[in-house]
PDB file of N, CA and C in Angstrom:
ATOM      1  N   MET A   1       0.725  -1.088  -0.062  1.00  0.00           N
ATOM      2  CA  MET A   1      -0.219   0.368   0.213  1.00  0.00           C
ATOM      3  C   MET A   1       1.013   1.183  -0.429  1.00  0.00           C
ATOM      4  N   SER A   2       0.730   1.956  -1.156  1.00  0.00           N
ATOM      5  CA  SER A   2       0.860   3.983  -1.148  1.00  0.00           C
ATOM      6  C   SER A   2       0.701   4.939  -0.494  1.00  0.00           C
ATOM      7  N   TYR A   3       0.820   5.477  -0.153  1.00  0.00           N
ATOM      8  CA  TYR A   3       0.294   6.698   0.686  1.00  0.00           C
ATOM      9  C   TYR A   3       1.088   7.990  -0.540  1.00  0.00           C
ATOM     10  N   LYS A   4       0.468   8.816  -0.740  1.00  0.00           N
ATOM     11  CA  LYS A   4       0.422   9.952  -2.389  1.00  0.00           C
ATOM     12  C   LYS A   4       0.378  11.079  -0.996  1.00  0.00           C
ATOM     13  N   LEU A   5       1.777  12.173  -1.143  1.00  0.00           N
ATOM     14  CA  LEU A   5       1.710  12.671  -1.007  1.00  0.00           C
ATOM     15  C   LEU A   5       1.506  14.493  -2.279  1.00  0.00           C
ATOM     16  N   LEU A   6       0.063  14.944  -1.948  1.00  0.00           N
ATOM     17  CA  LEU A   6      -0.754  15.925  -3.053  1.00  0.00           C
ATOM     18  C   LEU A   6      -0.290  17.056  -2.817  1.00  0.00           C
ATOM     19  N   ASP A   7       0.131  17.903  -4.069  1.00  0.00           N
ATOM     20  CA  ASP A   7      -0.026  19.207  -3.940  1.00  0.00           C
ATOM     21  C   ASP A   7      -1.429  19.305  -4.085  1.00  0.00           C
ATOM     22  N   THR A   8      -2.069  20.598  -3.211  1.00  0.00           N
ATOM     23  CA  THR A   8      -3.472  20.270  -4.036  1.00  0.00           C
ATOM     24  C   THR A   8      -3.770  21.904  -4.825  1.00  0.00           C
ATOM     25  N   PHE A   9      -2.559  22.967  -4.358  1.00  0.00           N
ATOM     26  CA  PHE A   9      -2.641  24.108  -5.217  1.00  0.00           C
ATOM     27  C   PHE A   9      -2.252  23.379  -7.168  1.00  0.00           C
ATOM     28  N   THR A  10      -1.933  22.512  -7.156  1.00  0.00           N
ATOM     29  CA  THR A  10      -1.174  21.832  -8.209  1.00  0.00           C
ATOM     30  C   THR A  10      -2.083  20.333  -9.086  1.00  0.00           C
ATOM     31  N   GLY A  11      -1.932  20.386  -8.135  1.00  0.00           N
ATOM     32  CA  GLY A  11      -3.048  18.606  -8.592  1.00  0.00           C
ATOM     33  C   GLY A  11      -1.704  17.386  -8.621  1.00  0.00           C
ATOM     34  N   LYS A  12      -0.166  17.746  -8.213  1.00  0.00           N
ATOM     35  CA  LYS A  12       1.145  16.688  -8.707  1.00  0.00           C
ATOM     36  C   LYS A  12       1.463  16.483  -7.240  1.00  0.00           C
ATOM     37  N   VAL A  13       1.196  14.806  -7.615  1.00  0.00           N
ATOM     38  CA  VAL A  13       2.468  14.215  -7.138  1.00  0.00           C
ATOM     39  C   VAL A  13       3.216  14.335  -6.129  1.00  0.00           C
ATOM     40  N   LEU A  14       3.834  14.715  -5.242  1.00  0.00           N
ATOM     41  CA  LEU A  14       5.196  15.022  -4.881  1.00  0.00           C
ATOM     42  C   LEU A  14       5.920  13.828  -4.317  1.00  0.00           C
ATOM     43  N   GLY A  15       5.221  12.836  -4.013  1.00  0.00           N
ATOM     44  CA  GLY A  15       5.925  11.584  -3.477  1.00  0.00           C
ATOM     45  C   GLY A  15       4.887  10.467  -2.578  1.00  0.00           C
ATOM     46  N   GLU A  16       5.090   9.865  -3.691  1.00  0.00           N
ATOM     47  CA  GLU A  16       4.443   8.079  -2.742  1.00  0.00           C
ATOM     48  C   GLU A  16       5.730   7.285  -1.590  1.00  0.00           C
ATOM     49  N   TYR A  17       5.079   6.682  -0.833  1.00  0.00           N
ATOM     50  CA  TYR A  17       5.578   6.688   0.610  1.00  0.00           C
ATOM     51  C   TYR A  17       5.243   4.889   1.190  1.00  0.00           C
ATOM     52  N   GLU A  18       5.574   4.575   1.384  1.00  0.00           N
ATOM     53  CA  GLU A  18       5.428   2.888   1.681  1.00  0.00           C
ATOM     54  C   GLU A  18       4.736   2.826   2.881  1.00  0.00           C
ATOM     55  N   THR A  19       4.064   3.763   3.841  1.00  0.00           N
ATOM     56  CA  THR A  19       3.861   4.310   5.016  1.00  0.00           C
ATOM     57  C   THR A  19       3.178   4.856   5.708  1.00  0.00           C
ATOM     58  N   LYS A  20       2.281   5.738   6.495  1.00  0.00           N
ATOM     59  CA  LYS A  20       1.585   7.025   6.310  1.00  0.00           C
ATOM     60  C   LYS A  20       2.748   7.109   7.324  1.00  0.00           C
ATOM     61  N   ALA A  21       3.575   6.764   8.064  1.00  0.00           N
ATOM     62  CA  ALA A  21       4.494   7.548   8.925  1.00  0.00           C
ATOM     63  C   ALA A  21       5.212   8.012   8.458  1.00  0.00           C
ATOM     64  N   GLN A  22       6.246   7.225   7.144  1.00  0.00           N
ATOM     65  CA  GLN A  22       6.766   7.881   6.166  1.00  0.00           C
ATOM     66  C   GLN A  22       6.332   9.421   5.433  1.00  0.00           C
ATOM     67  N   ALA A  23       5.356   9.354   4.990  1.00  0.00           N
ATOM     68  CA  ALA A  23       4.536  10.252   4.108  1.00  0.00           C
ATOM     69  C   ALA A  23       4.523  11.755   5.052  1.00  0.00           C
ATOM     70  N   GLU A  24       4.268  11.620   6.843  1.00  0.00           N
ATOM     71  CA  GLU A  24       4.207  11.878   7.620  1.00  0.00           C
ATOM     72  C   GLU A  24       5.042  12.896   7.564  1.00  0.00           C
ATOM     73  N   LYS A  25       6.227  12.043   8.025  1.00  0.00           N
ATOM     74  CA  LYS A  25       7.383  12.775   8.243  1.00  0.00           C
ATOM     75  C   LYS A  25       8.298  13.620   6.511  1.00  0.00           C
ATOM     76  N   ALA A  26       7.423  13.436   5.269  1.00  0.00           N
ATOM     77  CA  ALA A  26       8.391  13.916   4.357  1.00  0.00           C
ATOM     78  C   ALA A  26       7.054  15.671   4.518  1.00  0.00           C
ATOM     79  N   GLU A  27       5.700  14.957   4.756  1.00  0.00           N
ATOM     80  CA  GLU A  27       5.275  16.302   4.616  1.00  0.00           C
ATOM     81  C   GLU A  27       5.850  17.410   5.543  1.00  0.00           C
ATOM     82  N   SER A  28       5.992  17.068   6.093  1.00  0.00           N
ATOM     83  CA  SER A  28       7.024  17.721   7.967  1.00  0.00           C
ATOM     84  C   SER A  28       7.920  18.379   7.242  1.00  0.00           C
ATOM     85  N   HIS A  29       8.336  18.493   6.219  1.00  0.00           N
ATOM     86  CA  HIS A  29       9.532  19.494   5.511  1.00  0.00           C
ATOM     87  C   HIS A  29       9.253  19.638   4.853  1.00  0.00           C
ATOM     88  N   LEU A  30       8.258  19.859   4.396  1.00  0.00           N
ATOM     89  CA  LEU A  30       7.682  21.123   3.385  1.00  0.00           C
ATOM     90  C   LEU A  30       6.942  22.729   4.125  1.00  0.00           C
ATOM     91  N   ILE A  31       7.063  23.577   3.785  1.00  0.00           N
ATOM     92  CA  ILE A  31       6.917  24.854   4.390  1.00  0.00           C
ATOM     93  C   ILE A  31       5.151  24.465   4.703  1.00  0.00           C
ATOM     94  N   HIS A  32       4.544  25.665   5.844  1.00  0.00           N
ATOM     95  CA  HIS A  32       2.773  25.375   5.353  1.00  0.00           C
ATOM     96  C   HIS A  32       3.055  26.670   5.842  1.00  0.00           C
ATOM     97  N   GLU A  33       2.055  27.156   5.420  1.00  0.00           N
ATOM     98  CA  GLU A  33       1.154  28.731   5.328  1.00  0.00           C
ATOM     99  C   GLU A  33       0.772  28.877   6.278  1.00  0.00           C
ATOM    100  N   PRO A  34       0.694  29.875   7.017  1.00  0.00           N
ATOM    101  CA  PRO A  34      -0.561  29.676   7.652  1.00  0.00           C
ATOM    102  C   PRO A  34      -2.130  29.931   7.707  1.00  0.00           C
ATOM    103  N   GLY A  35      -3.279  28.628   8.264  1.00  0.00           N
ATOM    104  CA  GLY A  35      -4.273  29.073   7.395  1.00  0.00           C
ATOM    105  C   GLY A  35      -4.544  28.570   6.309  1.00  0.00           C
ATOM    106  N   GLU A  36      -3.682  27.868   5.605  1.00  0.00           N
ATOM    107  CA  GLU A  36      -3.569  27.205   4.095  1.00  0.00           C
ATOM    108  C   GLU A  36      -3.547  25.603   3.898  1.00  0.00           C
ATOM    109  N   SER A  37      -3.884  24.875   2.856  1.00  0.00           N
ATOM    110  CA  SER A  37      -3.735  23.034   3.853  1.00  0.00           C
ATOM    111  C   SER A  37      -3.640  22.698   2.133  1.00  0.00           C
ATOM    112  N   ARG A  38      -2.227  23.408   1.824  1.00  0.00           N
ATOM    113  CA  ARG A  38      -1.660  23.042   0.807  1.00  0.00           C
ATOM    114  C   ARG A  38      -1.607  21.336  -0.065  1.00  0.00           C
ATOM    115  N   TYR A  39      -0.835  20.292   1.034  1.00  0.00           N
ATOM    116  CA  TYR A  39      -0.288  19.449   0.318  1.00  0.00           C
ATOM    117  C   TYR A  39      -1.577  18.702   1.135  1.00  0.00           C
ATOM    118  N   GLU A  40      -1.946  17.249   0.421  1.00  0.00           N
ATOM    119  CA  GLU A  40      -2.345  16.062   1.411  1.00  0.00           C
ATOM    120  C   GLU A  40      -2.106  15.275   1.310  1.00  0.00           C
ATOM    121  N   LEU A  41      -2.188  13.851   2.725  1.00  0.00           N
ATOM    122  CA  LEU A  41      -2.074  12.515   2.534  1.00  0.00           C
ATOM    123  C   LEU A  41      -3.868  11.874   1.371  1.00  0.00           C
ATOM    124  N   VAL A  42      -2.693  11.475   0.643  1.00  0.00           N
ATOM    125  CA  VAL A  42      -4.019  10.726   0.137  1.00  0.00           C
ATOM    126  C   VAL A  42      -3.837   9.154   0.186  1.00  0.00           C
ATOM    127  N   GLU A  43      -4.404   7.841   1.363  1.00  0.00           N
ATOM    128  CA  GLU A  43      -4.547   7.470   1.673  1.00  0.00           C
ATOM    129  C   GLU A  43      -4.805   5.918   0.169  1.00  0.00           C
ATOM    130  N   PRO A  44      -3.902   4.699  -0.029  1.00  0.00           N
ATOM    131  CA  PRO A  44      -4.465   4.002  -1.049  1.00  0.00           C
ATOM    132  C   PRO A  44      -6.034   3.459  -1.256  1.00  0.00           C
ATOM    133  N   PRO A  45      -7.065   2.827  -2.086  1.00  0.00           N
ATOM    134  CA  PRO A  45      -8.126   2.670  -1.608  1.00  0.00           C
ATOM    135  C   PRO A  45      -8.089   1.847  -1.440  1.00  0.00           C
ATOM    136  N   ALA A  46      -9.425   1.325  -0.014  1.00  0.00           N
ATOM    137  CA  ALA A  46      -9.678  -0.156   0.433  1.00  0.00           C
ATOM    138  C   ALA A  46      -9.656  -1.155  -0.392  1.00  0.00           C
ATOM    139  N   PRO A  47      -9.297  -2.123  -0.667  1.00  0.00           N
ATOM    140  CA  PRO A  47      -9.386  -3.488  -1.259  1.00  0.00           C
ATOM    141  C   PRO A  47     -10.832  -3.424  -0.679  1.00  0.00           C
ATOM    142  N   LYS A  48     -11.093  -4.008  -2.198  1.00  0.00           N
ATOM    143  CA  LYS A  48     -12.997  -3.798  -2.456  1.00  0.00           C
ATOM    144  C   LYS A  48     -13.241  -5.765  -2.012  1.00  0.00           C
ATOM    145  N   LYS A  49     -13.829  -6.052  -1.197  1.00  0.00           N
ATOM    146  CA  LYS A  49     -14.086  -7.508  -1.002  1.00  0.00           C
ATOM    147  C   LYS A  49     -14.937  -8.497  -1.777  1.00  0.00           C
ATOM    148  N   VAL A  50     -14.855  -9.094  -2.093  1.00  0.00           N
ATOM    149  CA  VAL A  50     -14.903 -10.468  -3.363  1.00  0.00           C
ATOM    150  C   VAL A  50     -15.996 -11.020  -3.140  1.00  0.00           C
ATOM    151  N   SER A  51     -17.265 -11.168  -3.102  1.00  0.00           N
ATOM    152  CA  SER A  51     -18.449 -12.512  -2.821  1.00  0.00           C
ATOM    153  C   SER A  51     -18.626 -12.756  -3.824  1.00  0.00           C
ATOM    154  N   LYS A  52     -19.093 -14.426  -3.013  1.00  0.00           N
ATOM    155  CA  LYS A  52     -19.271 -14.987  -4.055  1.00  0.00           C
ATOM    156  C   LYS A  52     -20.481 -15.509  -4.593  1.00  0.00           C
ATOM    157  N   LYS A  53     -20.732 -15.969  -6.022  1.00  0.00           N
ATOM    158  CA  LYS A  53     -22.243 -16.119  -5.881  1.00  0.00           C
ATOM    159  C   LYS A  53     -22.641 -16.782  -5.121  1.00  0.00           C
ATOM    160  N   LYS A  54     -23.988 -17.755  -4.758  1.00  0.00           N
ATOM    161  CA  LYS A  54     -24.417 -19.265  -3.677  1.00  0.00           C
ATOM    162  C   LYS A  54     -25.110 -18.941  -5.480  1.00  0.00           C
ATOM    163  N   ALA A  55     -25.785 -20.223  -5.351  1.00  0.00           N
ATOM    164  CA  ALA A  55     -26.338 -20.564  -6.772  1.00  0.00           C
ATOM    165  C   ALA A  55     -28.014 -20.825  -5.893  1.00  0.00           C
ATOM    166  N   VAL A  56     -28.273 -21.141  -6.457  1.00  0.00           N
ATOM    167  CA  VAL A  56     -29.921 -21.063  -6.212  1.00  0.00           C
ATOM    168  C   VAL A  56     -30.917 -22.512  -6.175  1.00  0.00           C
ATOM    169  N   VAL A  57     -30.843 -23.231  -5.288  1.00  0.00           N
ATOM    170  CA  VAL A  57     -31.343 -24.356  -4.089  1.00  0.00           C
ATOM    171  C   VAL A  57     -33.403 -24.370  -4.616  1.00  0.00           C
ATOM    172  N   THR A  58     -33.647 -24.799  -6.140  1.00  0.00           N
ATOM    173  CA  THR A  58     -35.301 -25.346  -5.345  1.00  0.00           C
ATOM    174  C   THR A  58     -35.531 -26.468  -5.421  1.00  0.00           C
ATOM    175  N   LYS A  59     -36.990 -26.032  -4.888  1.00  0.00           N
ATOM    176  CA  LYS A  59     -37.372 -27.744  -4.002  1.00  0.00           C
ATOM    177  C   LYS A  59     -37.755 -28.197  -5.518  1.00  0.00           C
ATOM    178  N   GLU A  60     -38.933 -28.392  -6.568  1.00  0.00           N
ATOM    179  CA  GLU A  60     -39.252 -27.770  -7.312  1.00  0.00           C
ATOM    180  C   GLU A  60     -38.182 -29.003  -8.789  1.00  0.00           C
ATOM    181  N   ALA A  61     -37.276 -29.077  -8.189  1.00  0.00           N
ATOM    182  CA  ALA A  61     -36.987 -29.695  -8.763  1.00  0.00           C
ATOM    183  C   ALA A  61     -36.529 -31.570  -8.685  1.00  0.00           C
ATOM    184  N   ASP A  62     -36.350 -31.785  -6.613  1.00  0.00           N
ATOM    185  CA  ASP A  62     -36.395 -32.038  -6.285  1.00  0.00           C
ATOM    186  C   ASP A  62     -37.678 -32.916  -6.522  1.00  0.00           C
ATOM    187  N   ASP A  63     -38.726 -32.381  -6.445  1.00  0.00           N
ATOM    188  CA  ASP A  63     -40.576 -33.347  -6.734  1.00  0.00           C
ATOM    189  C   ASP A  63     -41.055 -33.287  -7.534  1.00  0.00           C
ATOM    190  N   LYS A  64     -40.783 -32.831  -8.991  1.00  0.00           N
ATOM    191  CA  LYS A  64     -40.243 -33.275  -9.615  1.00  0.00           C
ATOM    192  C   LYS A  64     -40.267 -34.820  -9.460  1.00  0.00           C
ATOM    193  N   GLU A  65     -38.871 -34.824  -9.150  1.00  0.00           N
ATOM    194  CA  GLU A  65     -38.232 -36.241  -9.289  1.00  0.00           C
ATOM    195  C   GLU A  65     -39.262 -37.539  -8.456  1.00  0.00           C
ATOM    196  N   GLU A  66     -39.784 -36.904  -7.729  1.00  0.00           N
ATOM    197  CA  GLU A  66     -40.139 -37.491  -6.410  1.00  0.00           C
ATOM    198  C   GLU A  66     -41.038 -38.440  -6.863  1.00  0.00           C
ATOM    199  N   SER A  67     -42.243 -37.529  -7.828  1.00  0.00           N
ATOM    200  CA  SER A  67     -43.058 -37.578  -8.670  1.00  0.00           C
ATOM    201  C   SER A  67     -43.283 -39.453  -9.021  1.00  0.00           C
ATOM    202  N   ASN A  68     -42.267 -39.179 -10.316  1.00  0.00           N
ATOM    203  CA  ASN A  68     -41.708 -40.211 -11.230  1.00  0.00           C
ATOM    204  C   ASN A  68     -41.915 -41.611 -10.254  1.00  0.00           C
TER     205      ASN A  68
END
């Protein structure tokens, strides 16, 4: 998982870091203006959960076989 340090004024990615701590350390080295939030840490998106489709079992097929 990589965290991105984004410049919100220009929209450019300033760096990609493996851990949040590394990204926060890099952000602390940048110049911050009072009252402005120029830089943003972008976290990676959460992995999507894959759900398996379950087969629909009906009793109608079983009832037909029993009646024969």
